[in-house]
C-alpha atoms as a PDB file:
ATOM      1  CA  MET A   1      39.852   3.083  16.509  1.00  0.00           C
ATOM      2  CA  HIS A   2      43.366   3.919  17.750  1.00  0.00           C
ATOM      3  CA  THR A   3      44.355   2.454  21.154  1.00  0.00           C
ATOM      4  CA  PRO A   4      47.684   1.509  22.809  1.00  0.00           C
ATOM      5  CA  PHE A   5      46.843  -2.144  22.112  1.00  0.00           C
ATOM      6  CA  SER A   6      45.121  -4.020  19.322  1.00  0.00           C
ATOM      7  CA  LEU A   7      41.907  -5.952  19.591  1.00  0.00           C
ATOM      8  CA  ASP A   8      41.827  -9.235  17.748  1.00  0.00           C
ATOM      9  CA  SER A   9      39.584  -9.380  14.675  1.00  0.00           C
ATOM     10  CA  ARG A  10      36.619 -10.850  16.536  1.00  0.00           C
ATOM     11  CA  LEU A  11      36.595  -8.204  19.227  1.00  0.00           C
ATOM     12  CA  ARG A  12      37.319  -5.448  16.728  1.00  0.00           C
ATOM     13  CA  LEU A  13      34.255  -6.423  14.722  1.00  0.00           C
ATOM     14  CA  CYS A  14      32.181  -6.520  17.900  1.00  0.00           C
ATOM     15  CA  ALA A  15      33.522  -3.050  18.817  1.00  0.00           C
ATOM     16  CA  ASP A  16      32.495  -1.676  15.441  1.00  0.00           C
ATOM     17  CA  PHE A  17      28.850  -2.485  16.244  1.00  0.00           C
ATOM     18  CA  VAL A  18      28.802  -0.709  19.621  1.00  0.00           C
ATOM     19  CA  ARG A  19      27.023   2.631  19.344  1.00  0.00           C
ATOM     20  CA  VAL A  20      28.789   5.903  20.132  1.00  0.00           C
ATOM     21  CA  GLY A  21      27.869   6.971  23.649  1.00  0.00           C
ATOM     22  CA  ALA A  22      26.657   3.539  24.619  1.00  0.00           C
ATOM     23  CA  LYS A  23      26.376   2.177  28.131  1.00  0.00           C
ATOM     24  CA  LEU A  24      28.107  -1.110  27.458  1.00  0.00           C
ATOM     25  CA  ALA A  25      28.001  -4.494  29.165  1.00  0.00           C
ATOM     26  CA  ASP A  26      30.771  -6.846  28.020  1.00  0.00           C
ATOM     27  CA  ILE A  27      29.692 -10.295  29.151  1.00  0.00           C
ATOM     28  CA  GLY A  28      32.430 -12.897  29.550  1.00  0.00           C
ATOM     29  CA  THR A  29      35.085 -10.217  29.348  1.00  0.00           C
ATOM     30  CA  ASP A  30      38.628 -11.053  28.287  1.00  0.00           C
ATOM     31  CA  HIS A  31      41.075  -8.829  30.197  1.00  0.00           C
ATOM     32  CA  ALA A  32      38.415  -6.091  29.716  1.00  0.00           C
ATOM     33  CA  TYR A  33      40.157  -5.317  26.414  1.00  0.00           C
ATOM     34  CA  LEU A  34      36.946  -4.464  24.544  1.00  0.00           C
ATOM     35  CA  PRO A  35      35.462  -1.973  27.032  1.00  0.00           C
ATOM     36  CA  VAL A  36      38.862  -0.390  27.721  1.00  0.00           C
ATOM     37  CA  ALA A  37      39.537   0.072  24.011  1.00  0.00           C
ATOM     38  CA  LEU A  38      36.129   1.692  23.516  1.00  0.00           C
ATOM     39  CA  ALA A  39      36.636   3.921  26.523  1.00  0.00           C
ATOM     40  CA  LEU A  40      40.022   5.068  25.279  1.00  0.00           C
ATOM     41  CA  ALA A  41      38.511   5.814  21.895  1.00  0.00           C
ATOM     42  CA  GLY A  42      35.727   7.918  23.483  1.00  0.00           C
ATOM     43  CA  ARG A  43      33.070   5.582  22.127  1.00  0.00           C
ATOM     44  CA  VAL A  44      31.212   4.701  25.369  1.00  0.00           C
ATOM     45  CA  SER A  45      29.752   6.774  28.184  1.00  0.00           C
ATOM     46  CA  CYS A  46      30.377   3.913  30.622  1.00  0.00           C
ATOM     47  CA  ALA A  47      31.085   0.184  30.493  1.00  0.00           C
ATOM     48  CA  ILE A  48      30.852  -2.873  32.729  1.00  0.00           C
ATOM     49  CA  ALA A  49      33.280  -5.762  32.160  1.00  0.00           C
ATOM     50  CA  ALA A  50      31.492  -8.820  33.594  1.00  0.00           C
ATOM     51  CA  ASP A  51      32.388 -12.429  34.081  1.00  0.00           C
ATOM     52  CA  ILE A  52      31.201 -15.413  36.086  1.00  0.00           C
ATOM     53  CA  ASN A  53      34.747 -16.060  37.360  1.00  0.00           C
ATOM     54  CA  GLU A  54      37.039 -13.941  39.532  1.00  0.00           C
ATOM     55  CA  GLU A  55      40.237 -14.443  37.541  1.00  0.00           C
ATOM     56  CA  PRO A  56      39.108 -12.739  34.299  1.00  0.00           C
ATOM     57  CA  LEU A  57      37.894  -9.828  36.406  1.00  0.00           C
ATOM     58  CA  ARG A  58      41.246  -9.593  38.178  1.00  0.00           C
ATOM     59  CA  ARG A  59      42.951  -9.385  34.771  1.00  0.00           C
ATOM     60  CA  GLY A  60      40.360  -6.914  33.621  1.00  0.00           C
ATOM     61  CA  LYS A  61      40.950  -4.677  36.610  1.00  0.00           C
ATOM     62  CA  GLN A  62      44.667  -4.687  35.753  1.00  0.00           C
ATOM     63  CA  THR A  63      43.869  -3.496  32.238  1.00  0.00           C
ATOM     64  CA  ILE A  64      41.505  -0.811  33.503  1.00  0.00           C
ATOM     65  CA  ASP A  65      44.086   0.475  35.979  1.00  0.00           C
ATOM     66  CA  LYS A  66      46.928   0.340  33.451  1.00  0.00           C
ATOM     67  CA  TYR A  67      45.062   2.579  30.996  1.00  0.00           C
ATOM     68  CA  GLN A  68      43.461   4.739  33.731  1.00  0.00           C
ATOM     69  CA  VAL A  69      39.866   4.344  32.595  1.00  0.00           C
ATOM     70  CA  GLY A  70      38.464   3.531  36.016  1.00  0.00           C
ATOM     71  CA  PRO A  71      35.969   6.440  35.875  1.00  0.00           C
ATOM     72  CA  LEU A  72      34.389   4.857  32.753  1.00  0.00           C
ATOM     73  CA  VAL A  73      34.948   1.099  33.105  1.00  0.00           C
ATOM     74  CA  SER A  74      34.100  -1.113  36.068  1.00  0.00           C
ATOM     75  CA  THR A  75      34.147  -4.885  36.651  1.00  0.00           C
ATOM     76  CA  ARG A  76      31.329  -7.077  37.905  1.00  0.00           C
ATOM     77  CA  LEU A  77      31.092 -10.662  39.036  1.00  0.00           C
ATOM     78  CA  ALA A  78      27.923 -11.956  37.388  1.00  0.00           C
ATOM     79  CA  ASN A  79      26.407 -15.023  35.785  1.00  0.00           C
ATOM     80  CA  GLY A  80      25.582 -13.615  32.381  1.00  0.00           C
ATOM     81  CA  LEU A  81      23.348 -10.587  32.789  1.00  0.00           C
ATOM     82  CA  GLN A  82      21.961 -11.671  36.159  1.00  0.00           C
ATOM     83  CA  GLY A  83      22.032  -8.776  38.576  1.00  0.00           C
ATOM     84  CA  PHE A  84      22.083  -6.142  35.798  1.00  0.00           C
ATOM     85  CA  ASP A  85      19.417  -3.480  35.655  1.00  0.00           C
ATOM     86  CA  ALA A  86      17.994  -2.389  32.304  1.00  0.00           C
ATOM     87  CA  SER A  87      18.816   1.269  33.044  1.00  0.00           C
ATOM     88  CA  GLU A  88      22.535   0.445  33.280  1.00  0.00           C
ATOM     89  CA  VAL A  89      22.952  -0.854  29.758  1.00  0.00           C
ATOM     90  CA  THR A  90      22.116   0.133  26.191  1.00  0.00           C
ATOM     91  CA  ASP A  91      24.489  -2.171  24.279  1.00  0.00           C
ATOM     92  CA  VAL A  92      25.439  -5.754  25.251  1.00  0.00           C
ATOM     93  CA  VAL A  93      28.368  -7.693  23.821  1.00  0.00           C
ATOM     94  CA  ILE A  94      28.437 -11.478  24.314  1.00  0.00           C
ATOM     95  CA  ALA A  95      31.476 -12.799  22.482  1.00  0.00           C
ATOM     96  CA  GLY A  96      33.541 -15.961  22.498  1.00  0.00           C
ATOM     97  CA  MET A  97      30.842 -18.307  23.832  1.00  0.00           C
ATOM     98  CA  GLY A  98      28.972 -21.309  22.478  1.00  0.00           C
ATOM     99  CA  ALA A  99      25.468 -20.972  21.137  1.00  0.00           C
ATOM    100  CA  ASP A 100      23.720 -22.618  24.084  1.00  0.00           C
ATOM    101  CA  THR A 101      25.519 -20.375  26.588  1.00  0.00           C
ATOM    102  CA  ILE A 102      24.539 -17.266  24.673  1.00  0.00           C
ATOM    103  CA  ILE A 103      20.902 -18.433  24.420  1.00  0.00           C
ATOM    104  CA  GLY A 104      20.857 -19.133  28.145  1.00  0.00           C
ATOM    105  CA  ILE A 105      22.121 -15.618  28.961  1.00  0.00           C
ATOM    106  CA  LEU A 106      19.537 -13.993  26.667  1.00  0.00           C
ATOM    107  CA  SER A 107      16.689 -16.133  27.983  1.00  0.00           C
ATOM    108  CA  ALA A 108      17.455 -15.126  31.581  1.00  0.00           C
ATOM    109  CA  ALA A 109      17.429 -11.362  30.825  1.00  0.00           C
ATOM    110  CA  GLN A 110      13.909 -10.565  29.663  1.00  0.00           C
ATOM    111  CA  TRP A 111      14.655  -6.849  29.951  1.00  0.00           C
ATOM    112  CA  LEU A 112      16.583  -7.197  26.683  1.00  0.00           C
ATOM    113  CA  LYS A 113      13.194  -7.307  24.939  1.00  0.00           C
ATOM    114  CA  ASP A 114      13.320  -3.570  24.421  1.00  0.00           C
ATOM    115  CA  GLU A 115      13.722  -1.850  21.061  1.00  0.00           C
ATOM    116  CA  SER A 116      16.250   0.575  22.518  1.00  0.00           C
ATOM    117  CA  LYS A 117      18.726  -2.194  23.360  1.00  0.00           C
ATOM    118  CA  ARG A 118      21.418  -3.454  20.989  1.00  0.00           C
ATOM    119  CA  LEU A 119      22.869  -6.923  21.212  1.00  0.00           C
ATOM    120  CA  ILE A 120      26.205  -7.800  19.668  1.00  0.00           C
ATOM    121  CA  LEU A 121      26.614 -11.572  19.651  1.00  0.00           C
ATOM    122  CA  GLN A 122      29.641 -13.554  18.521  1.00  0.00           C
ATOM    123  CA  PRO A 123      28.961 -17.299  18.889  1.00  0.00           C
ATOM    124  CA  MET A 124      31.995 -19.600  18.660  1.00  0.00           C
ATOM    125  CA  THR A 125      29.827 -22.533  17.604  1.00  0.00           C
ATOM    126  CA  LYS A 126      26.424 -23.241  16.072  1.00  0.00           C
ATOM    127  CA  SER A 127      25.471 -19.695  15.154  1.00  0.00           C
ATOM    128  CA  GLU A 128      22.380 -21.178  13.453  1.00  0.00           C
ATOM    129  CA  ARG A 129      20.976 -22.073  16.889  1.00  0.00           C
ATOM    130  CA  VAL A 130      21.400 -18.446  18.067  1.00  0.00           C
ATOM    131  CA  ILE A 131      19.743 -17.055  14.931  1.00  0.00           C
ATOM    132  CA  THR A 132      16.796 -19.444  15.239  1.00  0.00           C
ATOM    133  CA  TYR A 133      16.365 -18.473  18.934  1.00  0.00           C
ATOM    134  CA  LEU A 134      16.453 -14.772  18.079  1.00  0.00           C
ATOM    135  CA  TYR A 135      13.792 -14.939  15.420  1.00  0.00           C
ATOM    136  CA  GLN A 136      11.518 -17.162  17.544  1.00  0.00           C
ATOM    137  CA  ASN A 137      11.691 -14.620  20.371  1.00  0.00           C
ATOM    138  CA  GLY A 138      11.009 -11.337  18.666  1.00  0.00           C
ATOM    139  CA  PHE A 139      14.543 -10.301  17.785  1.00  0.00           C
ATOM    140  CA  GLU A 140      15.939  -9.483  14.343  1.00  0.00           C
ATOM    141  CA  ILE A 141      19.400  -9.198  12.863  1.00  0.00           C
ATOM    142  CA  SER A 142      20.136  -5.536  11.958  1.00  0.00           C
ATOM    143  CA  GLU A 143      23.492  -6.395  10.427  1.00  0.00           C
ATOM    144  CA  GLN A 144      25.782  -9.394  10.261  1.00  0.00           C
ATOM    145  CA  LYS A 145      29.452  -9.605   9.291  1.00  0.00           C
ATOM    146  CA  CYS A 146      32.273 -12.076   9.481  1.00  0.00           C
ATOM    147  CA  CYS A 147      35.987 -11.975  10.189  1.00  0.00           C
ATOM    148  CA  ILE A 148      38.909 -14.388  10.157  1.00  0.00           C
ATOM    149  CA  ALA A 149      40.637 -15.063  13.512  1.00  0.00           C
ATOM    150  CA  GLU A 150      43.590 -17.427  13.754  1.00  0.00           C
ATOM    151  CA  GLY A 151      42.741 -18.801  10.337  1.00  0.00           C
ATOM    152  CA  LYS A 152      39.107 -19.591  11.113  1.00  0.00           C
ATOM    153  CA  PRO A 153      35.995 -17.599  10.092  1.00  0.00           C
ATOM    154  CA  TYR A 154      33.578 -16.290  12.706  1.00  0.00           C
ATOM    155  CA  THR A 155      30.373 -14.285  12.465  1.00  0.00           C
ATOM    156  CA  VAL A 156      29.098 -11.378  14.548  1.00  0.00           C
ATOM    157  CA  LEU A 157      25.399 -10.512  14.811  1.00  0.00           C
ATOM    158  CA  CYS A 158      24.106  -7.009  15.549  1.00  0.00           C
ATOM    159  CA  VAL A 159      20.569  -7.536  16.866  1.00  0.00           C
ATOM    160  CA  HIS A 160      17.543  -5.516  17.975  1.00  0.00           C
ATOM    161  CA  TYR A 161      14.115  -6.396  19.390  1.00  0.00           C
ATOM    162  CA  THR A 162      10.994  -5.985  17.301  1.00  0.00           C
ATOM    163  CA  GLU A 163       8.214  -7.635  19.394  1.00  0.00           C
ATOM    164  CA  HIS A 164       7.255  -9.776  16.382  1.00  0.00           C
ATOM    165  CA  GLN A 165       8.268 -13.334  15.678  1.00  0.00           C
ATOM    166  CA  SER A 166       9.710 -13.402  12.168  1.00  0.00           C
ATOM    167  CA  PRO A 167       9.997 -16.393   9.864  1.00  0.00           C
ATOM    168  CA  CYS A 168      13.380 -18.128  10.067  1.00  0.00           C
ATOM    169  CA  SER A 169      13.953 -20.879   7.564  1.00  0.00           C
ATOM    170  CA  GLU A 170      16.632 -23.453   8.207  1.00  0.00           C
ATOM    171  CA  TYR A 171      18.580 -22.000   5.272  1.00  0.00           C
ATOM    172  CA  PHE A 172      18.426 -18.508   6.831  1.00  0.00           C
ATOM    173  CA  SER A 173      19.566 -19.857  10.199  1.00  0.00           C
ATOM    174  CA  TYR A 174      22.828 -20.889   8.548  1.00  0.00           C
ATOM    175  CA  THR A 175      23.306 -17.924   6.201  1.00  0.00           C
ATOM    176  CA  GLY A 176      21.655 -15.053   8.083  1.00  0.00           C
ATOM    177  CA  LYS A 177      22.180 -11.657   6.469  1.00  0.00           C
ATOM    178  CA  LEU A 178      25.662 -12.370   5.189  1.00  0.00           C
ATOM    179  CA  CYS A 179      26.710 -11.015   1.781  1.00  0.00           C
ATOM    180  CA  PRO A 180      29.341 -13.371   0.351  1.00  0.00           C
ATOM    181  CA  GLU A 181      28.957 -11.587  -2.979  1.00  0.00           C
ATOM    182  CA  GLU A 182      30.484  -8.492  -1.375  1.00  0.00           C
ATOM    183  CA  ASN A 183      32.691  -9.780   1.468  1.00  0.00           C
ATOM    184  CA  GLU A 184      35.344 -12.535   1.279  1.00  0.00           C
ATOM    185  CA  ASP A 185      35.117 -13.201   5.021  1.00  0.00           C
ATOM    186  CA  ASP A 186      31.375 -13.797   4.703  1.00  0.00           C
ATOM    187  CA  SER A 187      32.114 -16.203   1.872  1.00  0.00           C
ATOM    188  CA  ALA A 188      34.707 -18.071   3.964  1.00  0.00           C
ATOM    189  CA  PHE A 189      32.232 -18.441   6.824  1.00  0.00           C
ATOM    190  CA  LEU A 190      29.500 -19.800   4.559  1.00  0.00           C
ATOM    191  CA  ARG A 191      31.923 -22.300   3.016  1.00  0.00           C
ATOM    192  CA  LEU A 192      32.604 -23.534   6.540  1.00  0.00           C
ATOM    193  CA  GLN A 193      28.868 -23.784   7.143  1.00  0.00           C
ATOM    194  CA  ALA A 194      28.451 -25.812   3.925  1.00  0.00           C
ATOM    195  CA  LYS A 195      31.259 -28.151   5.021  1.00  0.00           C
ATOM    196  CA  ILE A 196      29.651 -28.672   8.462  1.00  0.00           C
ATOM    197  CA  LEU A 197      26.273 -29.382   6.841  1.00  0.00           C
ATOM    198  CA  ALA A 198      27.849 -31.855   4.440  1.00  0.00           C
ATOM    199  CA  LYS A 199      29.247 -33.804   7.376  1.00  0.00           C
ATOM    200  CA  ARG A 200      25.824 -33.817   9.049  1.00  0.00           C
ATOM    201  CA  SER A 201      24.192 -35.173   5.918  1.00  0.00           C
ATOM    202  CA  ALA A 202      25.179 -38.707   6.887  1.00  0.00           C
ATOM    203  CA  ALA A 203      22.536 -38.489   9.666  1.00  0.00           C
ATOM    204  CA  ASP A 204      19.932 -36.427   7.749  1.00  0.00           C
ATOM    205  CA  LYS A 205      19.985 -35.831   3.979  1.00  0.00           C
ATOM    206  CA  ARG A 206      18.329 -32.392   4.300  1.00  0.00           C
ATOM    207  CA  PHE A 207      21.635 -31.110   5.650  1.00  0.00           C
ATOM    208  CA  GLY A 208      23.283 -32.291   2.484  1.00  0.00           C
ATOM    209  CA  GLU A 209      20.682 -30.408   0.440  1.00  0.00           C
ATOM    210  CA  LEU A 210      21.295 -27.224   2.417  1.00  0.00           C
ATOM    211  CA  SER A 211      25.067 -27.649   1.900  1.00  0.00           C
ATOM    212  CA  GLN A 212      24.547 -27.936  -1.829  1.00  0.00           C
ATOM    213  CA  ILE A 213      22.368 -24.808  -1.950  1.00  0.00           C
ATOM    214  CA  ILE A 214      24.960 -22.749  -0.072  1.00  0.00           C
ATOM    215  CA  THR A 215      27.829 -24.145  -2.144  1.00  0.00           C
ATOM    216  CA  LYS A 216      26.002 -23.341  -5.388  1.00  0.00           C
ATOM    217  CA  ARG A 217      25.411 -19.794  -4.239  1.00  0.00           C
ATOM    218  CA  LEU A 218      29.121 -19.372  -3.475  1.00  0.00           C
ATOM    219  CA  ASP A 219      30.264 -20.980  -6.705  1.00  0.00           C
ATOM    220  CA  ASN A 220      28.100 -18.547  -8.727  1.00  0.00           C
ATOM    221  CA  ILE A 221      29.837 -15.494  -7.255  1.00  0.00           C
END
């Protein structure tokens, strides 16, 4: 995707999951870089850069005006997806937020429970909580990948609704559909997960057992 500016690795990975021709909602937008980049690349039919605060939207409007994509990209003051209509959006990006914030946004937008919608979620913390919520509420991970941003690994989930609650073991909540055997960034993320679990083992030994299982998998690659 060639644009006059570069997305960071987290946003670039999110952008890769947005479908061609999508009607995009970028929730918690950062200067509207993601929707503007996708508009410039001809990847979206329209996009809404949304945030709960005025200042990010002001910066986003500057980006939209600078690159002259106003006919395709608009801004919206909104608390998550509140005030959005299902007909406005096919693909939703929620990036750069903590797990509980993401879960709160999804829980308040029941219209996302639609097989035609695509969710692209990039939790900054506790991705296992997001994965557990998704599987308990009829969603499933279509694809999951990781990237390194400023020296730290992050994961991005591409999600769809299935109507069916699927089993989600504690192990799966930490590893998801990552393939460390094929991707070094996936491996780096899982090593971080194993390290976090090892620290939690002081309070509950099952975390230590999970850490060991993940570490053994990585060591056998």
